[in-house]
ModelCIF file with pLDDT and N, C-alpha, C, O atoms, coordinates in Angstrom:
data_MODEL
#
_entry.id   MODEL 
#
_entity.id                         1 
_entity.type                       polymer 
_entity.pdbx_number_of_molecules   1 
#
_entity_poly.entity_id                      1 
_entity_poly.type                           'polypeptide(L)' 
_entity_poly.nstd_linkage                   no 
_entity_poly.nstd_monomer                   no 
_entity_poly.pdbx_seq_one_letter_code       
;(UNK)(UNK)(UNK)(UNK)(UNK)(UNK)(UNK)(UNK)(UNK)(UNK)(UNK)(UNK)(UNK)(UNK)(UNK)(UNK)
(UNK)(UNK)(UNK)(UNK)(UNK)(UNK)(UNK)(UNK)(UNK)(UNK)(UNK)(UNK)(UNK)(UNK)(UNK)(UNK)
(UNK)(UNK)(UNK)(UNK)(UNK)(UNK)(UNK)(UNK)(UNK)(UNK)(UNK)(UNK)(UNK)(UNK)(UNK)(UNK)
;
_entity_poly.pdbx_seq_one_letter_code_can   XXXXXXXXXXXXXXXXXXXXXXXXXXXXXXXXXXXXXXXXXXXXXXXX 
_entity_poly.pdbx_strand_id                 A 
#
loop_
_entity_poly_seq.entity_id 
_entity_poly_seq.num 
_entity_poly_seq.mon_id 
_entity_poly_seq.hetero 
1 1  UNK n 
1 2  UNK n 
1 3  UNK n 
1 4  UNK n 
1 5  UNK n 
1 6  UNK n 
1 7  UNK n 
1 8  UNK n 
1 9  UNK n 
1 10 UNK n 
1 11 UNK n 
1 12 UNK n 
1 13 UNK n 
1 14 UNK n 
1 15 UNK n 
1 16 UNK n 
1 17 UNK n 
1 18 UNK n 
1 19 UNK n 
1 20 UNK n 
1 21 UNK n 
1 22 UNK n 
1 23 UNK n 
1 24 UNK n 
1 25 UNK n 
1 26 UNK n 
1 27 UNK n 
1 28 UNK n 
1 29 UNK n 
1 30 UNK n 
1 31 UNK n 
1 32 UNK n 
1 33 UNK n 
1 34 UNK n 
1 35 UNK n 
1 36 UNK n 
1 37 UNK n 
1 38 UNK n 
1 39 UNK n 
1 40 UNK n 
1 41 UNK n 
1 42 UNK n 
1 43 UNK n 
1 44 UNK n 
1 45 UNK n 
1 46 UNK n 
1 47 UNK n 
1 48 UNK n 
#
_struct_asym.id          A 
_struct_asym.entity_id   1 
#
loop_
_ma_qa_metric.id 
_ma_qa_metric.mode 
_ma_qa_metric.name 
_ma_qa_metric.software_group_id 
_ma_qa_metric.type 
1 global pLDDT . pLDDT 
2 local  pLDDT . pLDDT 
#
_ma_qa_metric_global.metric_id      1 
_ma_qa_metric_global.metric_value   85.52 
_ma_qa_metric_global.model_id       1 
_ma_qa_metric_global.ordinal_id     1 
#
loop_
_ma_qa_metric_local.label_asym_id 
_ma_qa_metric_local.label_comp_id 
_ma_qa_metric_local.label_seq_id 
_ma_qa_metric_local.metric_id 
_ma_qa_metric_local.metric_value 
_ma_qa_metric_local.model_id 
_ma_qa_metric_local.ordinal_id 
A UNK 1  2 68.00 1 1  
A UNK 2  2 69.00 1 2  
A UNK 3  2 70.00 1 3  
A UNK 4  2 68.00 1 4  
A UNK 5  2 66.00 1 5  
A UNK 6  2 70.00 1 6  
A UNK 7  2 73.00 1 7  
A UNK 8  2 73.00 1 8  
A UNK 9  2 79.00 1 9  
A UNK 10 2 85.00 1 10 
A UNK 11 2 86.00 1 11 
A UNK 12 2 85.00 1 12 
A UNK 13 2 89.00 1 13 
A UNK 14 2 90.00 1 14 
A UNK 15 2 89.00 1 15 
A UNK 16 2 89.00 1 16 
A UNK 17 2 93.00 1 17 
A UNK 18 2 93.00 1 18 
A UNK 19 2 91.00 1 19 
A UNK 20 2 92.00 1 20 
A UNK 21 2 94.00 1 21 
A UNK 22 2 92.00 1 22 
A UNK 23 2 89.00 1 23 
A UNK 24 2 92.00 1 24 
A UNK 25 2 94.00 1 25 
A UNK 26 2 92.00 1 26 
A UNK 27 2 89.00 1 27 
A UNK 28 2 90.00 1 28 
A UNK 29 2 92.00 1 29 
A UNK 30 2 88.00 1 30 
A UNK 31 2 86.00 1 31 
A UNK 32 2 86.00 1 32 
A UNK 33 2 87.00 1 33 
A UNK 34 2 86.00 1 34 
A UNK 35 2 88.00 1 35 
A UNK 36 2 91.00 1 36 
A UNK 37 2 89.00 1 37 
A UNK 38 2 88.00 1 38 
A UNK 39 2 91.00 1 39 
A UNK 40 2 90.00 1 40 
A UNK 41 2 88.00 1 41 
A UNK 42 2 89.00 1 42 
A UNK 43 2 88.00 1 43 
A UNK 44 2 87.00 1 44 
A UNK 45 2 84.00 1 45 
A UNK 46 2 83.00 1 46 
A UNK 47 2 85.00 1 47 
A UNK 48 2 89.00 1 48 
#
loop_
_atom_site.group_PDB 
_atom_site.id 
_atom_site.type_symbol 
_atom_site.label_atom_id 
_atom_site.label_alt_id 
_atom_site.label_comp_id 
_atom_site.label_asym_id 
_atom_site.label_entity_id 
_atom_site.label_seq_id 
_atom_site.pdbx_PDB_ins_code 
_atom_site.Cartn_x 
_atom_site.Cartn_y 
_atom_site.Cartn_z 
_atom_site.occupancy 
_atom_site.B_iso_or_equiv 
_atom_site.pdbx_formal_charge 
_atom_site.auth_seq_id 
_atom_site.auth_comp_id 
_atom_site.auth_asym_id 
_atom_site.auth_atom_id 
_atom_site.pdbx_PDB_model_num 
ATOM 1   N N  . UNK A 1 1  ? -16.824 -8.799  -3.921  1.00 68.00 ? 1  UNK A N  1 
ATOM 2   C CA . UNK A 1 1  ? -16.928 -10.292 -3.133  1.00 68.00 ? 1  UNK A CA 1 
ATOM 3   C C  . UNK A 1 1  ? -18.206 -10.606 -2.641  1.00 68.00 ? 1  UNK A C  1 
ATOM 4   O O  . UNK A 1 1  ? -18.529 -11.721 -2.230  1.00 68.00 ? 1  UNK A O  1 
ATOM 5   N N  . UNK A 1 2  ? -19.171 -9.288  -2.701  1.00 69.00 ? 2  UNK A N  1 
ATOM 6   C CA . UNK A 1 2  ? -20.542 -9.811  -2.248  1.00 69.00 ? 2  UNK A CA 1 
ATOM 7   C C  . UNK A 1 2  ? -21.432 -10.218 -3.478  1.00 69.00 ? 2  UNK A C  1 
ATOM 8   O O  . UNK A 1 2  ? -22.514 -10.804 -3.443  1.00 69.00 ? 2  UNK A O  1 
ATOM 9   N N  . UNK A 1 3  ? -20.694 -9.751  -4.630  1.00 70.00 ? 3  UNK A N  1 
ATOM 10  C CA . UNK A 1 3  ? -21.319 -10.535 -6.052  1.00 70.00 ? 3  UNK A CA 1 
ATOM 11  C C  . UNK A 1 3  ? -21.271 -11.823 -6.132  1.00 70.00 ? 3  UNK A C  1 
ATOM 12  O O  . UNK A 1 3  ? -22.223 -12.556 -6.400  1.00 70.00 ? 3  UNK A O  1 
ATOM 13  N N  . UNK A 1 4  ? -19.666 -12.293 -5.801  1.00 68.00 ? 4  UNK A N  1 
ATOM 14  C CA . UNK A 1 4  ? -19.191 -13.544 -6.072  1.00 68.00 ? 4  UNK A CA 1 
ATOM 15  C C  . UNK A 1 4  ? -18.699 -14.434 -4.611  1.00 68.00 ? 4  UNK A C  1 
ATOM 16  O O  . UNK A 1 4  ? -17.974 -15.427 -4.650  1.00 68.00 ? 4  UNK A O  1 
ATOM 17  N N  . UNK A 1 5  ? -19.213 -13.890 -3.477  1.00 66.00 ? 5  UNK A N  1 
ATOM 18  C CA . UNK A 1 5  ? -19.172 -14.498 -2.238  1.00 66.00 ? 5  UNK A CA 1 
ATOM 19  C C  . UNK A 1 5  ? -17.764 -14.694 -1.765  1.00 66.00 ? 5  UNK A C  1 
ATOM 20  O O  . UNK A 1 5  ? -17.453 -14.200 -0.681  1.00 66.00 ? 5  UNK A O  1 
ATOM 21  N N  . UNK A 1 6  ? -16.793 -15.428 -2.530  1.00 70.00 ? 6  UNK A N  1 
ATOM 22  C CA . UNK A 1 6  ? -15.842 -15.703 -2.498  1.00 70.00 ? 6  UNK A CA 1 
ATOM 23  C C  . UNK A 1 6  ? -14.720 -15.735 -3.825  1.00 70.00 ? 6  UNK A C  1 
ATOM 24  O O  . UNK A 1 6  ? -15.005 -16.013 -4.990  1.00 70.00 ? 6  UNK A O  1 
ATOM 25  N N  . UNK A 1 7  ? -13.375 -15.367 -3.285  1.00 73.00 ? 7  UNK A N  1 
ATOM 26  C CA . UNK A 1 7  ? -12.468 -15.597 -4.679  1.00 73.00 ? 7  UNK A CA 1 
ATOM 27  C C  . UNK A 1 7  ? -11.555 -16.384 -4.025  1.00 73.00 ? 7  UNK A C  1 
ATOM 28  O O  . UNK A 1 7  ? -10.954 -16.263 -2.957  1.00 73.00 ? 7  UNK A O  1 
ATOM 29  N N  . UNK A 1 8  ? -11.583 -17.490 -5.174  1.00 73.00 ? 8  UNK A N  1 
ATOM 30  C CA . UNK A 1 8  ? -10.724 -18.698 -4.919  1.00 73.00 ? 8  UNK A CA 1 
ATOM 31  C C  . UNK A 1 8  ? -10.703 -19.311 -3.343  1.00 73.00 ? 8  UNK A C  1 
ATOM 32  O O  . UNK A 1 8  ? -9.626  -19.488 -2.774  1.00 73.00 ? 8  UNK A O  1 
ATOM 33  N N  . UNK A 1 9  ? -11.816 -19.575 -2.781  1.00 79.00 ? 9  UNK A N  1 
ATOM 34  C CA . UNK A 1 9  ? -11.946 -20.048 -1.360  1.00 79.00 ? 9  UNK A CA 1 
ATOM 35  C C  . UNK A 1 9  ? -12.017 -19.128 -0.303  1.00 79.00 ? 9  UNK A C  1 
ATOM 36  O O  . UNK A 1 9  ? -12.554 -19.481 0.747   1.00 79.00 ? 9  UNK A O  1 
ATOM 37  N N  . UNK A 1 10 ? -11.451 -17.748 -0.454  1.00 85.00 ? 10 UNK A N  1 
ATOM 38  C CA . UNK A 1 10 ? -11.334 -16.400 0.612   1.00 85.00 ? 10 UNK A CA 1 
ATOM 39  C C  . UNK A 1 10 ? -12.548 -15.693 0.193   1.00 85.00 ? 10 UNK A C  1 
ATOM 40  O O  . UNK A 1 10 ? -12.874 -15.409 -0.959  1.00 85.00 ? 10 UNK A O  1 
ATOM 41  N N  . UNK A 1 11 ? -13.207 -15.436 1.345   1.00 86.00 ? 11 UNK A N  1 
ATOM 42  C CA . UNK A 1 11 ? -14.253 -14.578 1.681   1.00 86.00 ? 11 UNK A CA 1 
ATOM 43  C C  . UNK A 1 11 ? -13.930 -12.974 2.034   1.00 86.00 ? 11 UNK A C  1 
ATOM 44  O O  . UNK A 1 11 ? -12.766 -12.597 2.165   1.00 86.00 ? 11 UNK A O  1 
ATOM 45  N N  . UNK A 1 12 ? -14.871 -12.220 2.150   1.00 85.00 ? 12 UNK A N  1 
ATOM 46  C CA . UNK A 1 12 ? -14.471 -10.694 2.198   1.00 85.00 ? 12 UNK A CA 1 
ATOM 47  C C  . UNK A 1 12 ? -13.775 -10.564 3.368   1.00 85.00 ? 12 UNK A C  1 
ATOM 48  O O  . UNK A 1 12 ? -12.768 -9.857  3.310   1.00 85.00 ? 12 UNK A O  1 
ATOM 49  N N  . UNK A 1 13 ? -14.092 -11.130 4.544   1.00 89.00 ? 13 UNK A N  1 
ATOM 50  C CA . UNK A 1 13 ? -13.414 -10.857 5.770   1.00 89.00 ? 13 UNK A CA 1 
ATOM 51  C C  . UNK A 1 13 ? -11.886 -11.300 5.540   1.00 89.00 ? 13 UNK A C  1 
ATOM 52  O O  . UNK A 1 13 ? -10.949 -10.648 6.001   1.00 89.00 ? 13 UNK A O  1 
ATOM 53  N N  . UNK A 1 14 ? -11.751 -12.288 4.899   1.00 90.00 ? 14 UNK A N  1 
ATOM 54  C CA . UNK A 1 14 ? -10.232 -12.765 4.901   1.00 90.00 ? 14 UNK A CA 1 
ATOM 55  C C  . UNK A 1 14 ? -9.400  -12.026 3.724   1.00 90.00 ? 14 UNK A C  1 
ATOM 56  O O  . UNK A 1 14 ? -8.172  -11.980 3.808   1.00 90.00 ? 14 UNK A O  1 
ATOM 57  N N  . UNK A 1 15 ? -10.096 -11.436 2.603   1.00 89.00 ? 15 UNK A N  1 
ATOM 58  C CA . UNK A 1 15 ? -9.371  -10.657 1.843   1.00 89.00 ? 15 UNK A CA 1 
ATOM 59  C C  . UNK A 1 15 ? -9.386  -9.294  2.492   1.00 89.00 ? 15 UNK A C  1 
ATOM 60  O O  . UNK A 1 15 ? -8.280  -8.766  2.606   1.00 89.00 ? 15 UNK A O  1 
ATOM 61  N N  . UNK A 1 16 ? -10.365 -8.669  2.910   1.00 89.00 ? 16 UNK A N  1 
ATOM 62  C CA . UNK A 1 16 ? -10.275 -7.435  3.952   1.00 89.00 ? 16 UNK A CA 1 
ATOM 63  C C  . UNK A 1 16 ? -8.962  -7.381  4.871   1.00 89.00 ? 16 UNK A C  1 
ATOM 64  O O  . UNK A 1 16 ? -8.347  -6.331  5.059   1.00 89.00 ? 16 UNK A O  1 
ATOM 65  N N  . UNK A 1 17 ? -8.613  -8.545  5.392   1.00 93.00 ? 17 UNK A N  1 
ATOM 66  C CA . UNK A 1 17 ? -7.570  -8.832  6.211   1.00 93.00 ? 17 UNK A CA 1 
ATOM 67  C C  . UNK A 1 17 ? -6.220  -8.170  5.357   1.00 93.00 ? 17 UNK A C  1 
ATOM 68  O O  . UNK A 1 17 ? -5.490  -7.250  5.723   1.00 93.00 ? 17 UNK A O  1 
ATOM 69  N N  . UNK A 1 18 ? -6.164  -8.907  4.198   1.00 93.00 ? 18 UNK A N  1 
ATOM 70  C CA . UNK A 1 18 ? -4.886  -8.855  3.640   1.00 93.00 ? 18 UNK A CA 1 
ATOM 71  C C  . UNK A 1 18 ? -5.112  -7.417  2.919   1.00 93.00 ? 18 UNK A C  1 
ATOM 72  O O  . UNK A 1 18 ? -4.118  -6.739  2.659   1.00 93.00 ? 18 UNK A O  1 
ATOM 73  N N  . UNK A 1 19 ? -6.109  -7.056  2.669   1.00 91.00 ? 19 UNK A N  1 
ATOM 74  C CA . UNK A 1 19 ? -5.958  -5.161  2.251   1.00 91.00 ? 19 UNK A CA 1 
ATOM 75  C C  . UNK A 1 19 ? -5.761  -4.667  3.284   1.00 91.00 ? 19 UNK A C  1 
ATOM 76  O O  . UNK A 1 19 ? -4.787  -3.924  3.158   1.00 91.00 ? 19 UNK A O  1 
ATOM 77  N N  . UNK A 1 20 ? -6.101  -4.651  4.177   1.00 92.00 ? 20 UNK A N  1 
ATOM 78  C CA . UNK A 1 20 ? -6.066  -3.981  5.649   1.00 92.00 ? 20 UNK A CA 1 
ATOM 79  C C  . UNK A 1 20 ? -4.462  -3.804  5.925   1.00 92.00 ? 20 UNK A C  1 
ATOM 80  O O  . UNK A 1 20 ? -3.913  -2.719  6.111   1.00 92.00 ? 20 UNK A O  1 
ATOM 81  N N  . UNK A 1 21 ? -3.780  -5.160  5.915   1.00 94.00 ? 21 UNK A N  1 
ATOM 82  C CA . UNK A 1 21 ? -2.665  -4.848  6.253   1.00 94.00 ? 21 UNK A CA 1 
ATOM 83  C C  . UNK A 1 21 ? -1.566  -4.369  5.294   1.00 94.00 ? 21 UNK A C  1 
ATOM 84  O O  . UNK A 1 21 ? -0.482  -3.998  5.745   1.00 94.00 ? 21 UNK A O  1 
ATOM 85  N N  . UNK A 1 22 ? -1.828  -4.371  3.969   1.00 92.00 ? 22 UNK A N  1 
ATOM 86  C CA . UNK A 1 22 ? -1.306  -3.879  2.791   1.00 92.00 ? 22 UNK A CA 1 
ATOM 87  C C  . UNK A 1 22 ? -1.661  -2.160  2.956   1.00 92.00 ? 22 UNK A C  1 
ATOM 88  O O  . UNK A 1 22 ? -0.809  -1.301  2.730   1.00 92.00 ? 22 UNK A O  1 
ATOM 89  N N  . UNK A 1 23 ? -2.283  -2.023  3.146   1.00 89.00 ? 23 UNK A N  1 
ATOM 90  C CA . UNK A 1 23 ? -2.631  -0.372  3.127   1.00 89.00 ? 23 UNK A CA 1 
ATOM 91  C C  . UNK A 1 23 ? -2.019  0.323   4.637   1.00 89.00 ? 23 UNK A C  1 
ATOM 92  O O  . UNK A 1 23 ? -1.756  1.513   4.813   1.00 89.00 ? 23 UNK A O  1 
ATOM 93  N N  . UNK A 1 24 ? -1.890  -0.760  5.606   1.00 92.00 ? 24 UNK A N  1 
ATOM 94  C CA . UNK A 1 24 ? -1.420  0.159   6.685   1.00 92.00 ? 24 UNK A CA 1 
ATOM 95  C C  . UNK A 1 24 ? 0.224   -0.039  6.409   1.00 92.00 ? 24 UNK A C  1 
ATOM 96  O O  . UNK A 1 24 ? 0.892   0.908   6.826   1.00 92.00 ? 24 UNK A O  1 
ATOM 97  N N  . UNK A 1 25 ? 0.816   -0.889  5.910   1.00 94.00 ? 25 UNK A N  1 
ATOM 98  C CA . UNK A 1 25 ? 2.291   -0.771  5.600   1.00 94.00 ? 25 UNK A CA 1 
ATOM 99  C C  . UNK A 1 25 ? 2.629   0.277   4.601   1.00 94.00 ? 25 UNK A C  1 
ATOM 100 O O  . UNK A 1 25 ? 3.648   0.946   4.776   1.00 94.00 ? 25 UNK A O  1 
ATOM 101 N N  . UNK A 1 26 ? 1.910   0.467   3.628   1.00 92.00 ? 26 UNK A N  1 
ATOM 102 C CA . UNK A 1 26 ? 2.040   1.510   2.550   1.00 92.00 ? 26 UNK A CA 1 
ATOM 103 C C  . UNK A 1 26 ? 1.894   2.656   3.342   1.00 92.00 ? 26 UNK A C  1 
ATOM 104 O O  . UNK A 1 26 ? 2.918   3.334   3.429   1.00 92.00 ? 26 UNK A O  1 
ATOM 105 N N  . UNK A 1 27 ? 0.821   3.099   3.997   1.00 89.00 ? 27 UNK A N  1 
ATOM 106 C CA . UNK A 1 27 ? 0.627   4.254   4.375   1.00 89.00 ? 27 UNK A CA 1 
ATOM 107 C C  . UNK A 1 27 ? 1.851   4.677   5.543   1.00 89.00 ? 27 UNK A C  1 
ATOM 108 O O  . UNK A 1 27 ? 2.292   5.813   5.717   1.00 89.00 ? 27 UNK A O  1 
ATOM 109 N N  . UNK A 1 28 ? 2.324   3.227   6.400   1.00 90.00 ? 28 UNK A N  1 
ATOM 110 C CA . UNK A 1 28 ? 3.496   4.010   7.055   1.00 90.00 ? 28 UNK A CA 1 
ATOM 111 C C  . UNK A 1 28 ? 4.723   4.208   6.364   1.00 90.00 ? 28 UNK A C  1 
ATOM 112 O O  . UNK A 1 28 ? 5.585   4.883   6.927   1.00 90.00 ? 28 UNK A O  1 
ATOM 113 N N  . UNK A 1 29 ? 4.919   3.790   5.374   1.00 92.00 ? 29 UNK A N  1 
ATOM 114 C CA . UNK A 1 29 ? 5.962   3.705   4.635   1.00 92.00 ? 29 UNK A CA 1 
ATOM 115 C C  . UNK A 1 29 ? 5.837   5.088   3.864   1.00 92.00 ? 29 UNK A C  1 
ATOM 116 O O  . UNK A 1 29 ? 6.895   5.611   3.513   1.00 92.00 ? 29 UNK A O  1 
ATOM 117 N N  . UNK A 1 30 ? 4.846   5.618   3.619   1.00 88.00 ? 30 UNK A N  1 
ATOM 118 C CA . UNK A 1 30 ? 4.534   7.092   2.865   1.00 88.00 ? 30 UNK A CA 1 
ATOM 119 C C  . UNK A 1 30 ? 4.699   8.018   4.028   1.00 88.00 ? 30 UNK A C  1 
ATOM 120 O O  . UNK A 1 30 ? 5.474   8.967   3.917   1.00 88.00 ? 30 UNK A O  1 
ATOM 121 N N  . UNK A 1 31 ? 3.934   7.790   5.298   1.00 86.00 ? 31 UNK A N  1 
ATOM 122 C CA . UNK A 1 31 ? 4.181   8.711   6.407   1.00 86.00 ? 31 UNK A CA 1 
ATOM 123 C C  . UNK A 1 31 ? 5.679   9.204   6.834   1.00 86.00 ? 31 UNK A C  1 
ATOM 124 O O  . UNK A 1 31 ? 6.112   10.344  7.002   1.00 86.00 ? 31 UNK A O  1 
ATOM 125 N N  . UNK A 1 32 ? 6.442   7.667   6.971   1.00 86.00 ? 32 UNK A N  1 
ATOM 126 C CA . UNK A 1 32 ? 7.557   7.790   7.704   1.00 86.00 ? 32 UNK A CA 1 
ATOM 127 C C  . UNK A 1 32 ? 8.674   8.084   6.560   1.00 86.00 ? 32 UNK A C  1 
ATOM 128 O O  . UNK A 1 32 ? 9.307   9.109   6.811   1.00 86.00 ? 32 UNK A O  1 
ATOM 129 N N  . UNK A 1 33 ? 8.951   7.617   5.712   1.00 87.00 ? 33 UNK A N  1 
ATOM 130 C CA . UNK A 1 33 ? 9.708   7.692   4.405   1.00 87.00 ? 33 UNK A CA 1 
ATOM 131 C C  . UNK A 1 33 ? 9.632   8.335   3.062   1.00 87.00 ? 33 UNK A C  1 
ATOM 132 O O  . UNK A 1 33 ? 10.285  8.014   2.068   1.00 87.00 ? 33 UNK A O  1 
ATOM 133 N N  . UNK A 1 34 ? 8.695   9.344   3.172   1.00 86.00 ? 34 UNK A N  1 
ATOM 134 C CA . UNK A 1 34 ? 8.130   10.005  1.820   1.00 86.00 ? 34 UNK A CA 1 
ATOM 135 C C  . UNK A 1 34 ? 9.482   10.441  1.221   1.00 86.00 ? 34 UNK A C  1 
ATOM 136 O O  . UNK A 1 34 ? 9.474   10.343  -0.006  1.00 86.00 ? 34 UNK A O  1 
ATOM 137 N N  . UNK A 1 35 ? 10.468  10.827  1.662   1.00 88.00 ? 35 UNK A N  1 
ATOM 138 C CA . UNK A 1 35 ? 11.511  11.492  1.101   1.00 88.00 ? 35 UNK A CA 1 
ATOM 139 C C  . UNK A 1 35 ? 12.401  10.494  0.118   1.00 88.00 ? 35 UNK A C  1 
ATOM 140 O O  . UNK A 1 35 ? 13.217  10.915  -0.703  1.00 88.00 ? 35 UNK A O  1 
ATOM 141 N N  . UNK A 1 36 ? 12.084  9.045   0.360   1.00 91.00 ? 36 UNK A N  1 
ATOM 142 C CA . UNK A 1 36 ? 12.889  8.149   -0.127  1.00 91.00 ? 36 UNK A CA 1 
ATOM 143 C C  . UNK A 1 36 ? 11.958  7.694   -1.463  1.00 91.00 ? 36 UNK A C  1 
ATOM 144 O O  . UNK A 1 36 ? 12.416  7.251   -2.516  1.00 91.00 ? 36 UNK A O  1 
ATOM 145 N N  . UNK A 1 37 ? 10.776  7.879   -1.201  1.00 89.00 ? 37 UNK A N  1 
ATOM 146 C CA . UNK A 1 37 ? 9.711   7.652   -1.991  1.00 89.00 ? 37 UNK A CA 1 
ATOM 147 C C  . UNK A 1 37 ? 9.452   9.007   -3.410  1.00 89.00 ? 37 UNK A C  1 
ATOM 148 O O  . UNK A 1 37 ? 9.000   8.929   -4.553  1.00 89.00 ? 37 UNK A O  1 
ATOM 149 N N  . UNK A 1 38 ? 9.939   10.010  -2.682  1.00 88.00 ? 38 UNK A N  1 
ATOM 150 C CA . UNK A 1 38 ? 10.079  11.072  -3.724  1.00 88.00 ? 38 UNK A CA 1 
ATOM 151 C C  . UNK A 1 38 ? 11.409  11.388  -3.911  1.00 88.00 ? 38 UNK A C  1 
ATOM 152 O O  . UNK A 1 38 ? 11.665  12.591  -3.897  1.00 88.00 ? 38 UNK A O  1 
ATOM 153 N N  . UNK A 1 39 ? 12.443  10.515  -4.104  1.00 91.00 ? 39 UNK A N  1 
ATOM 154 C CA . UNK A 1 39 ? 13.675  10.740  -4.229  1.00 91.00 ? 39 UNK A CA 1 
ATOM 155 C C  . UNK A 1 39 ? 13.923  11.721  -5.453  1.00 91.00 ? 39 UNK A C  1 
ATOM 156 O O  . UNK A 1 39 ? 14.634  12.723  -5.380  1.00 91.00 ? 39 UNK A O  1 
ATOM 157 N N  . UNK A 1 40 ? 13.271  11.318  -6.539  1.00 90.00 ? 40 UNK A N  1 
ATOM 158 C CA . UNK A 1 40 ? 13.478  11.872  -7.978  1.00 90.00 ? 40 UNK A CA 1 
ATOM 159 C C  . UNK A 1 40 ? 13.950  13.444  -7.859  1.00 90.00 ? 40 UNK A C  1 
ATOM 160 O O  . UNK A 1 40 ? 14.862  13.942  -8.520  1.00 90.00 ? 40 UNK A O  1 
ATOM 161 N N  . UNK A 1 41 ? 13.145  14.121  -6.882  1.00 88.00 ? 41 UNK A N  1 
ATOM 162 C CA . UNK A 1 41 ? 13.346  15.513  -6.873  1.00 88.00 ? 41 UNK A CA 1 
ATOM 163 C C  . UNK A 1 41 ? 14.995  16.039  -6.371  1.00 88.00 ? 41 UNK A C  1 
ATOM 164 O O  . UNK A 1 41 ? 15.487  17.144  -6.596  1.00 88.00 ? 41 UNK A O  1 
ATOM 165 N N  . UNK A 1 42 ? 15.608  14.935  -5.669  1.00 89.00 ? 42 UNK A N  1 
ATOM 166 C CA . UNK A 1 42 ? 16.786  15.333  -5.029  1.00 89.00 ? 42 UNK A CA 1 
ATOM 167 C C  . UNK A 1 42 ? 17.811  14.919  -6.470  1.00 89.00 ? 42 UNK A C  1 
ATOM 168 O O  . UNK A 1 42 ? 18.760  15.679  -6.665  1.00 89.00 ? 42 UNK A O  1 
ATOM 169 N N  . UNK A 1 43 ? 17.664  14.014  -7.224  1.00 88.00 ? 43 UNK A N  1 
ATOM 170 C CA . UNK A 1 43 ? 18.411  13.655  -8.204  1.00 88.00 ? 43 UNK A CA 1 
ATOM 171 C C  . UNK A 1 43 ? 18.080  14.823  -9.653  1.00 88.00 ? 43 UNK A C  1 
ATOM 172 O O  . UNK A 1 43 ? 18.915  15.015  -10.536 1.00 88.00 ? 43 UNK A O  1 
ATOM 173 N N  . UNK A 1 44 ? 17.021  15.333  -9.624  1.00 87.00 ? 44 UNK A N  1 
ATOM 174 C CA . UNK A 1 44 ? 16.649  16.318  -11.226 1.00 87.00 ? 44 UNK A CA 1 
ATOM 175 C C  . UNK A 1 44 ? 17.151  17.547  -10.334 1.00 87.00 ? 44 UNK A C  1 
ATOM 176 O O  . UNK A 1 44 ? 17.933  18.219  -11.007 1.00 87.00 ? 44 UNK A O  1 
ATOM 177 N N  . UNK A 1 45 ? 16.990  18.019  -9.183  1.00 84.00 ? 45 UNK A N  1 
ATOM 178 C CA . UNK A 1 45 ? 17.098  19.348  -8.931  1.00 84.00 ? 45 UNK A CA 1 
ATOM 179 C C  . UNK A 1 45 ? 18.550  19.519  -8.122  1.00 84.00 ? 45 UNK A C  1 
ATOM 180 O O  . UNK A 1 45 ? 18.686  20.570  -7.496  1.00 84.00 ? 45 UNK A O  1 
ATOM 181 N N  . UNK A 1 46 ? 19.513  18.666  -8.100  1.00 83.00 ? 46 UNK A N  1 
ATOM 182 C CA . UNK A 1 46 ? 20.864  18.653  -7.440  1.00 83.00 ? 46 UNK A CA 1 
ATOM 183 C C  . UNK A 1 46 ? 20.734  18.750  -6.042  1.00 83.00 ? 46 UNK A C  1 
ATOM 184 O O  . UNK A 1 46 ? 21.742  19.056  -5.406  1.00 83.00 ? 46 UNK A O  1 
ATOM 185 N N  . UNK A 1 47 ? 19.334  18.481  -5.253  1.00 85.00 ? 47 UNK A N  1 
ATOM 186 C CA . UNK A 1 47 ? 19.512  18.545  -3.964  1.00 85.00 ? 47 UNK A CA 1 
ATOM 187 C C  . UNK A 1 47 ? 20.173  17.664  -3.194  1.00 85.00 ? 47 UNK A C  1 
ATOM 188 O O  . UNK A 1 47 ? 20.463  17.929  -2.028  1.00 85.00 ? 47 UNK A O  1 
ATOM 189 N N  . UNK A 1 48 ? 20.482  16.498  -3.790  1.00 89.00 ? 48 UNK A N  1 
ATOM 190 C CA . UNK A 1 48 ? 21.455  15.540  -3.168  1.00 89.00 ? 48 UNK A CA 1 
ATOM 191 C C  . UNK A 1 48 ? 22.787  16.090  -2.966  1.00 89.00 ? 48 UNK A C  1 
ATOM 192 O O  . UNK A 1 48 ? 23.671  15.396  -2.463  1.00 89.00 ? 48 UNK A O  1 
#
């Protein structure tokens, strides 16, 4: 964005807002629900 100023009319701060919200919700999901995210181990190893 520093090179091209905007992406389809969205500047660095506006894209930064989108990025920040997306990363925050992904991090909360991985923090609180990691066993869902890593559910494969339950079906592979029979832990379920």
